[in-house]
Amino acid sequence: MKRFLLVFIPFLSVSNMLVPSVKAAPADNLSISTTPSMSAKYGSHLEPILKTINASPDQRDKISAVVNEFKPKIEPSLAKYREKRDQFLQSMISGKASEDIMCKQDEMNQLSSQINSQYMVMNLKVRKLLKPDQVEPYENYRKRQGWVKP
Protein backbone atom coordinates (compact mmCIF):
# COMPACT_ATOMS: atom_id res chain seq x y z
CA MET A 1 0.00 0.00 0.00
CA LYS A 2 2.82 2.43 0.84
CA ARG A 3 4.38 1.73 -2.55
CA PHE A 4 1.09 2.49 -4.26
CA LEU A 5 0.79 5.81 -2.44
CA LEU A 6 4.39 6.74 -3.25
CA VAL A 7 3.61 6.30 -6.96
CA PHE A 8 0.06 7.62 -6.95
CA ILE A 9 0.44 10.83 -4.90
CA PRO A 10 3.10 12.41 -7.16
CA PHE A 11 0.96 11.55 -10.17
CA LEU A 12 -2.01 13.36 -8.69
CA SER A 13 0.14 16.43 -8.22
CA VAL A 14 1.17 16.31 -11.87
CA SER A 15 -2.34 15.57 -13.13
CA ASN A 16 -3.72 18.49 -11.13
CA MET A 17 -1.21 20.75 -12.88
CA LEU A 18 -2.58 19.59 -16.22
CA VAL A 19 -6.27 19.60 -15.40
CA PRO A 20 -7.16 21.31 -12.15
CA SER A 21 -10.66 21.15 -10.77
CA VAL A 22 -13.02 23.89 -11.89
CA LYS A 23 -12.66 26.97 -9.71
CA ALA A 24 -14.59 30.18 -9.66
CA ALA A 25 -13.10 32.65 -12.09
CA PRO A 26 -11.62 35.77 -10.57
CA ALA A 27 -13.58 38.94 -11.16
CA ASP A 28 -10.94 40.54 -13.34
CA ASN A 29 -9.69 37.27 -14.88
CA LEU A 30 -6.18 38.64 -14.46
CA SER A 31 -5.19 36.99 -11.21
CA ILE A 32 -2.19 34.74 -11.10
CA SER A 33 -2.95 31.10 -11.71
CA THR A 34 -0.44 28.47 -10.71
CA THR A 35 -1.55 25.93 -13.29
CA PRO A 36 -2.76 25.96 -16.86
CA SER A 37 -6.46 25.30 -16.85
CA MET A 38 -7.90 22.81 -19.26
CA SER A 39 -11.21 23.08 -17.46
CA ALA A 40 -11.88 26.80 -17.91
CA LYS A 41 -14.43 27.74 -20.53
CA TYR A 42 -12.67 27.85 -23.88
CA GLY A 43 -12.12 31.44 -24.98
CA SER A 44 -12.91 32.91 -21.56
CA HIS A 45 -9.64 34.85 -21.58
CA LEU A 46 -10.17 36.47 -24.96
CA GLU A 47 -11.69 39.75 -23.77
CA PRO A 48 -9.19 40.26 -20.92
CA ILE A 49 -6.33 39.63 -23.35
CA LEU A 50 -7.76 42.07 -25.89
CA LYS A 51 -8.06 44.71 -23.17
CA THR A 52 -4.57 44.00 -21.85
CA ILE A 53 -2.96 44.52 -25.25
CA ASN A 54 -5.28 47.42 -26.13
CA ALA A 55 -6.28 45.71 -29.36
CA SER A 56 -7.55 47.77 -32.27
CA PRO A 57 -10.97 46.88 -33.72
CA ASP A 58 -9.23 45.11 -36.63
CA GLN A 59 -7.02 43.13 -34.26
CA ARG A 60 -10.05 42.22 -32.15
CA ASP A 61 -11.74 40.73 -35.20
CA LYS A 62 -8.64 38.87 -36.37
CA ILE A 63 -7.67 37.51 -32.95
CA SER A 64 -11.26 36.45 -32.28
CA ALA A 65 -11.26 34.64 -35.64
CA VAL A 66 -8.07 32.77 -34.67
CA VAL A 67 -9.56 31.72 -31.31
CA ASN A 68 -12.78 30.63 -33.03
CA GLU A 69 -10.75 28.69 -35.62
CA PHE A 70 -9.14 26.62 -32.87
CA LYS A 71 -12.22 26.10 -30.71
CA PRO A 72 -13.54 23.09 -32.70
CA LYS A 73 -10.04 21.60 -32.68
CA ILE A 74 -9.36 22.02 -28.95
CA GLU A 75 -12.72 21.49 -27.22
CA PRO A 76 -13.20 17.84 -28.34
CA SER A 77 -9.65 17.02 -27.25
CA LEU A 78 -10.28 18.61 -23.85
CA ALA A 79 -13.43 16.51 -23.42
CA LYS A 80 -11.56 13.34 -24.42
CA TYR A 81 -8.74 14.23 -22.02
CA ARG A 82 -11.15 14.60 -19.10
CA GLU A 83 -12.78 11.29 -20.01
CA LYS A 84 -9.40 9.50 -20.18
CA ARG A 85 -8.30 11.15 -16.93
CA ASP A 86 -11.42 9.85 -15.19
CA GLN A 87 -10.84 6.38 -16.64
CA PHE A 88 -7.23 6.49 -15.50
CA LEU A 89 -8.13 7.50 -11.96
CA GLN A 90 -10.83 4.83 -11.84
CA SER A 91 -8.24 2.24 -12.98
CA MET A 92 -5.91 3.37 -10.22
CA ILE A 93 -8.59 3.25 -7.54
CA SER A 94 -10.02 -0.09 -8.61
CA GLY A 95 -6.62 -1.77 -8.70
CA LYS A 96 -6.56 -2.62 -12.40
CA ALA A 97 -3.52 -4.28 -13.92
CA SER A 98 -0.45 -2.10 -14.37
CA GLU A 99 -0.66 -2.52 -18.14
CA ASP A 100 -4.19 -1.08 -18.17
CA ILE A 101 -3.15 1.83 -15.97
CA MET A 102 -0.12 2.60 -18.14
CA CYS A 103 -2.28 2.42 -21.27
CA LYS A 104 -4.68 4.99 -19.80
CA GLN A 105 -1.75 7.19 -18.84
CA ASP A 106 -0.33 6.96 -22.38
CA GLU A 107 -3.71 7.99 -23.81
CA MET A 108 -3.83 10.99 -21.46
CA ASN A 109 -0.28 11.99 -22.40
CA GLN A 110 -1.06 11.82 -26.12
CA LEU A 111 -4.16 13.97 -25.71
CA SER A 112 -2.29 16.43 -23.50
CA SER A 113 0.40 16.74 -26.15
CA GLN A 114 -2.19 17.34 -28.88
CA ILE A 115 -3.92 20.00 -26.80
CA ASN A 116 -0.65 21.76 -25.98
CA SER A 117 0.35 21.71 -29.66
CA GLN A 118 -2.95 23.26 -30.71
CA TYR A 119 -2.64 25.97 -28.07
CA MET A 120 0.93 26.68 -29.21
CA VAL A 121 -0.12 27.06 -32.86
CA MET A 122 -2.99 29.32 -31.80
CA ASN A 123 -0.62 31.40 -29.65
CA LEU A 124 1.81 31.81 -32.55
CA LYS A 125 -0.99 32.90 -34.88
CA VAL A 126 -2.17 35.46 -32.33
CA ARG A 127 1.37 36.77 -31.83
CA LYS A 128 1.68 37.36 -35.58
CA LEU A 129 -1.23 39.78 -35.30
CA LEU A 130 0.33 41.83 -32.51
CA LYS A 131 2.31 45.02 -32.83
CA PRO A 132 5.78 44.94 -31.23
CA ASP A 133 4.61 46.99 -28.23
CA GLN A 134 1.75 44.52 -27.59
CA VAL A 135 3.92 41.40 -27.32
CA GLU A 136 5.20 42.11 -23.81
CA PRO A 137 1.75 42.77 -22.27
CA TYR A 138 0.42 39.67 -24.05
CA GLU A 139 3.22 37.47 -22.72
CA ASN A 140 2.91 39.00 -19.24
CA TYR A 141 -0.79 38.10 -19.24
CA ARG A 142 0.05 34.54 -20.23
CA LYS A 143 2.61 34.34 -17.40
CA ARG A 144 0.12 35.69 -14.83
CA GLN A 145 -2.31 32.97 -15.90
CA GLY A 146 0.37 30.32 -15.41
CA TRP A 147 0.34 29.32 -19.07
CA VAL A 148 4.08 29.86 -19.43
CA LYS A 149 6.90 29.76 -16.94
CA PRO A 150 8.12 33.17 -15.79
C-alpha atoms as a PDB file:
ATOM      1  CA  MET A   1       0.000   0.000   0.000  1.00  0.00           C
ATOM      2  CA  LYS A   2       2.816   2.428   0.836  1.00  0.00           C
ATOM      3  CA  ARG A   3       4.385   1.732  -2.548  1.00  0.00           C
ATOM      4  CA  PHE A   4       1.088   2.489  -4.263  1.00  0.00           C
ATOM      5  CA  LEU A   5       0.795   5.814  -2.441  1.00  0.00           C
ATOM      6  CA  LEU A   6       4.386   6.737  -3.253  1.00  0.00           C
ATOM      7  CA  VAL A   7       3.609   6.298  -6.957  1.00  0.00           C
ATOM      8  CA  PHE A   8       0.058   7.625  -6.948  1.00  0.00           C
ATOM      9  CA  ILE A   9       0.440  10.835  -4.901  1.00  0.00           C
ATOM     10  CA  PRO A  10       3.101  12.414  -7.158  1.00  0.00           C
ATOM     11  CA  PHE A  11       0.960  11.552 -10.173  1.00  0.00           C
ATOM     12  CA  LEU A  12      -2.014  13.360  -8.693  1.00  0.00           C
ATOM     13  CA  SER A  13       0.136  16.435  -8.224  1.00  0.00           C
ATOM     14  CA  VAL A  14       1.168  16.313 -11.874  1.00  0.00           C
ATOM     15  CA  SER A  15      -2.337  15.569 -13.131  1.00  0.00           C
ATOM     16  CA  ASN A  16      -3.717  18.487 -11.132  1.00  0.00           C
ATOM     17  CA  MET A  17      -1.205  20.750 -12.876  1.00  0.00           C
ATOM     18  CA  LEU A  18      -2.577  19.592 -16.222  1.00  0.00           C
ATOM     19  CA  VAL A  19      -6.272  19.601 -15.403  1.00  0.00           C
ATOM     20  CA  PRO A  20      -7.157  21.305 -12.152  1.00  0.00           C
ATOM     21  CA  SER A  21     -10.664  21.152 -10.767  1.00  0.00           C
ATOM     22  CA  VAL A  22     -13.021  23.895 -11.888  1.00  0.00           C
ATOM     23  CA  LYS A  23     -12.661  26.966  -9.714  1.00  0.00           C
ATOM     24  CA  ALA A  24     -14.587  30.180  -9.663  1.00  0.00           C
ATOM     25  CA  ALA A  25     -13.097  32.653 -12.093  1.00  0.00           C
ATOM     26  CA  PRO A  26     -11.621  35.766 -10.566  1.00  0.00           C
ATOM     27  CA  ALA A  27     -13.580  38.938 -11.156  1.00  0.00           C
ATOM     28  CA  ASP A  28     -10.944  40.541 -13.344  1.00  0.00           C
ATOM     29  CA  ASN A  29      -9.694  37.274 -14.883  1.00  0.00           C
ATOM     30  CA  LEU A  30      -6.181  38.641 -14.464  1.00  0.00           C
ATOM     31  CA  SER A  31      -5.190  36.992 -11.212  1.00  0.00           C
ATOM     32  CA  ILE A  32      -2.188  34.742 -11.104  1.00  0.00           C
ATOM     33  CA  SER A  33      -2.954  31.098 -11.708  1.00  0.00           C
ATOM     34  CA  THR A  34      -0.435  28.472 -10.709  1.00  0.00           C
ATOM     35  CA  THR A  35      -1.551  25.932 -13.292  1.00  0.00           C
ATOM     36  CA  PRO A  36      -2.759  25.963 -16.857  1.00  0.00           C
ATOM     37  CA  SER A  37      -6.456  25.300 -16.855  1.00  0.00           C
ATOM     38  CA  MET A  38      -7.899  22.810 -19.259  1.00  0.00           C
ATOM     39  CA  SER A  39     -11.205  23.083 -17.458  1.00  0.00           C
ATOM     40  CA  ALA A  40     -11.878  26.796 -17.910  1.00  0.00           C
ATOM     41  CA  LYS A  41     -14.434  27.738 -20.530  1.00  0.00           C
ATOM     42  CA  TYR A  42     -12.669  27.846 -23.880  1.00  0.00           C
ATOM     43  CA  GLY A  43     -12.124  31.440 -24.983  1.00  0.00           C
ATOM     44  CA  SER A  44     -12.911  32.909 -21.565  1.00  0.00           C
ATOM     45  CA  HIS A  45      -9.641  34.847 -21.583  1.00  0.00           C
ATOM     46  CA  LEU A  46     -10.167  36.467 -24.965  1.00  0.00           C
ATOM     47  CA  GLU A  47     -11.695  39.746 -23.772  1.00  0.00           C
ATOM     48  CA  PRO A  48      -9.192  40.264 -20.916  1.00  0.00           C
ATOM     49  CA  ILE A  49      -6.331  39.632 -23.354  1.00  0.00           C
ATOM     50  CA  LEU A  50      -7.759  42.073 -25.888  1.00  0.00           C
ATOM     51  CA  LYS A  51      -8.064  44.712 -23.168  1.00  0.00           C
ATOM     52  CA  THR A  52      -4.571  43.998 -21.848  1.00  0.00           C
ATOM     53  CA  ILE A  53      -2.964  44.524 -25.247  1.00  0.00           C
ATOM     54  CA  ASN A  54      -5.280  47.420 -26.126  1.00  0.00           C
ATOM     55  CA  ALA A  55      -6.284  45.711 -29.362  1.00  0.00           C
ATOM     56  CA  SER A  56      -7.552  47.766 -32.269  1.00  0.00           C
ATOM     57  CA  PRO A  57     -10.970  46.878 -33.724  1.00  0.00           C
ATOM     58  CA  ASP A  58      -9.234  45.114 -36.633  1.00  0.00           C
ATOM     59  CA  GLN A  59      -7.021  43.133 -34.263  1.00  0.00           C
ATOM     60  CA  ARG A  60     -10.046  42.215 -32.148  1.00  0.00           C
ATOM     61  CA  ASP A  61     -11.737  40.727 -35.201  1.00  0.00           C
ATOM     62  CA  LYS A  62      -8.641  38.867 -36.375  1.00  0.00           C
ATOM     63  CA  ILE A  63      -7.665  37.513 -32.946  1.00  0.00           C
ATOM     64  CA  SER A  64     -11.261  36.448 -32.282  1.00  0.00           C
ATOM     65  CA  ALA A  65     -11.257  34.645 -35.635  1.00  0.00           C
ATOM     66  CA  VAL A  66      -8.071  32.774 -34.667  1.00  0.00           C
ATOM     67  CA  VAL A  67      -9.560  31.717 -31.314  1.00  0.00           C
ATOM     68  CA  ASN A  68     -12.778  30.629 -33.032  1.00  0.00           C
ATOM     69  CA  GLU A  69     -10.750  28.693 -35.617  1.00  0.00           C
ATOM     70  CA  PHE A  70      -9.145  26.624 -32.869  1.00  0.00           C
ATOM     71  CA  LYS A  71     -12.224  26.105 -30.713  1.00  0.00           C
ATOM     72  CA  PRO A  72     -13.538  23.092 -32.698  1.00  0.00           C
ATOM     73  CA  LYS A  73     -10.035  21.599 -32.677  1.00  0.00           C
ATOM     74  CA  ILE A  74      -9.363  22.017 -28.952  1.00  0.00           C
ATOM     75  CA  GLU A  75     -12.720  21.491 -27.224  1.00  0.00           C
ATOM     76  CA  PRO A  76     -13.197  17.838 -28.340  1.00  0.00           C
ATOM     77  CA  SER A  77      -9.646  17.023 -27.251  1.00  0.00           C
ATOM     78  CA  LEU A  78     -10.280  18.611 -23.847  1.00  0.00           C
ATOM     79  CA  ALA A  79     -13.434  16.511 -23.421  1.00  0.00           C
ATOM     80  CA  LYS A  80     -11.555  13.341 -24.423  1.00  0.00           C
ATOM     81  CA  TYR A  81      -8.742  14.231 -22.020  1.00  0.00           C
ATOM     82  CA  ARG A  82     -11.155  14.605 -19.103  1.00  0.00           C
ATOM     83  CA  GLU A  83     -12.778  11.288 -20.009  1.00  0.00           C
ATOM     84  CA  LYS A  84      -9.397   9.504 -20.177  1.00  0.00           C
ATOM     85  CA  ARG A  85      -8.301  11.151 -16.930  1.00  0.00           C
ATOM     86  CA  ASP A  86     -11.420   9.853 -15.187  1.00  0.00           C
ATOM     87  CA  GLN A  87     -10.839   6.377 -16.640  1.00  0.00           C
ATOM     88  CA  PHE A  88      -7.230   6.488 -15.505  1.00  0.00           C
ATOM     89  CA  LEU A  89      -8.134   7.504 -11.963  1.00  0.00           C
ATOM     90  CA  GLN A  90     -10.828   4.830 -11.843  1.00  0.00           C
ATOM     91  CA  SER A  91      -8.241   2.245 -12.977  1.00  0.00           C
ATOM     92  CA  MET A  92      -5.905   3.369 -10.218  1.00  0.00           C
ATOM     93  CA  ILE A  93      -8.588   3.252  -7.542  1.00  0.00           C
ATOM     94  CA  SER A  94     -10.023  -0.088  -8.615  1.00  0.00           C
ATOM     95  CA  GLY A  95      -6.617  -1.771  -8.704  1.00  0.00           C
ATOM     96  CA  LYS A  96      -6.562  -2.624 -12.404  1.00  0.00           C
ATOM     97  CA  ALA A  97      -3.522  -4.280 -13.916  1.00  0.00           C
ATOM     98  CA  SER A  98      -0.447  -2.102 -14.372  1.00  0.00           C
ATOM     99  CA  GLU A  99      -0.655  -2.519 -18.145  1.00  0.00           C
ATOM    100  CA  ASP A 100      -4.191  -1.083 -18.166  1.00  0.00           C
ATOM    101  CA  ILE A 101      -3.154   1.833 -15.974  1.00  0.00           C
ATOM    102  CA  MET A 102      -0.124   2.599 -18.140  1.00  0.00           C
ATOM    103  CA  CYS A 103      -2.277   2.419 -21.271  1.00  0.00           C
ATOM    104  CA  LYS A 104      -4.681   4.994 -19.805  1.00  0.00           C
ATOM    105  CA  GLN A 105      -1.751   7.195 -18.837  1.00  0.00           C
ATOM    106  CA  ASP A 106      -0.335   6.964 -22.377  1.00  0.00           C
ATOM    107  CA  GLU A 107      -3.711   7.985 -23.814  1.00  0.00           C
ATOM    108  CA  MET A 108      -3.829  10.985 -21.462  1.00  0.00           C
ATOM    109  CA  ASN A 109      -0.278  11.988 -22.398  1.00  0.00           C
ATOM    110  CA  GLN A 110      -1.062  11.822 -26.121  1.00  0.00           C
ATOM    111  CA  LEU A 111      -4.160  13.971 -25.707  1.00  0.00           C
ATOM    112  CA  SER A 112      -2.292  16.430 -23.496  1.00  0.00           C
ATOM    113  CA  SER A 113       0.399  16.737 -26.150  1.00  0.00           C
ATOM    114  CA  GLN A 114      -2.195  17.336 -28.882  1.00  0.00           C
ATOM    115  CA  ILE A 115      -3.917  20.003 -26.800  1.00  0.00           C
ATOM    116  CA  ASN A 116      -0.650  21.756 -25.979  1.00  0.00           C
ATOM    117  CA  SER A 117       0.349  21.708 -29.660  1.00  0.00           C
ATOM    118  CA  GLN A 118      -2.951  23.264 -30.713  1.00  0.00           C
ATOM    119  CA  TYR A 119      -2.636  25.968 -28.068  1.00  0.00           C
ATOM    120  CA  MET A 120       0.928  26.680 -29.214  1.00  0.00           C
ATOM    121  CA  VAL A 121      -0.119  27.058 -32.858  1.00  0.00           C
ATOM    122  CA  MET A 122      -2.992  29.318 -31.796  1.00  0.00           C
ATOM    123  CA  ASN A 123      -0.616  31.396 -29.648  1.00  0.00           C
ATOM    124  CA  LEU A 124       1.805  31.806 -32.546  1.00  0.00           C
ATOM    125  CA  LYS A 125      -0.992  32.897 -34.879  1.00  0.00           C
ATOM    126  CA  VAL A 126      -2.175  35.458 -32.330  1.00  0.00           C
ATOM    127  CA  ARG A 127       1.373  36.769 -31.829  1.00  0.00           C
ATOM    128  CA  LYS A 128       1.682  37.363 -35.582  1.00  0.00           C
ATOM    129  CA  LEU A 129      -1.235  39.775 -35.298  1.00  0.00           C
ATOM    130  CA  LEU A 130       0.333  41.831 -32.511  1.00  0.00           C
ATOM    131  CA  LYS A 131       2.314  45.024 -32.834  1.00  0.00           C
ATOM    132  CA  PRO A 132       5.783  44.937 -31.234  1.00  0.00           C
ATOM    133  CA  ASP A 133       4.609  46.990 -28.234  1.00  0.00           C
ATOM    134  CA  GLN A 134       1.755  44.521 -27.587  1.00  0.00           C
ATOM    135  CA  VAL A 135       3.916  41.401 -27.324  1.00  0.00           C
ATOM    136  CA  GLU A 136       5.201  42.105 -23.812  1.00  0.00           C
ATOM    137  CA  PRO A 137       1.748  42.774 -22.266  1.00  0.00           C
ATOM    138  CA  TYR A 138       0.424  39.667 -24.054  1.00  0.00           C
ATOM    139  CA  GLU A 139       3.221  37.473 -22.715  1.00  0.00           C
ATOM    140  CA  ASN A 140       2.913  38.996 -19.236  1.00  0.00           C
ATOM    141  CA  TYR A 141      -0.787  38.103 -19.245  1.00  0.00           C
ATOM    142  CA  ARG A 142       0.046  34.539 -20.230  1.00  0.00           C
ATOM    143  CA  LYS A 143       2.612  34.337 -17.399  1.00  0.00           C
ATOM    144  CA  ARG A 144       0.122  35.691 -14.832  1.00  0.00           C
ATOM    145  CA  GLN A 145      -2.306  32.972 -15.900  1.00  0.00           C
ATOM    146  CA  GLY A 146       0.372  30.321 -15.413  1.00  0.00           C
ATOM    147  CA  TRP A 147       0.343  29.319 -19.075  1.00  0.00           C
ATOM    148  CA  VAL A 148       4.082  29.858 -19.432  1.00  0.00           C
ATOM    149  CA  LYS A 149       6.896  29.756 -16.936  1.00  0.00           C
ATOM    150  CA  PRO A 150       8.122  33.174 -15.786  1.00  0.00           C
END
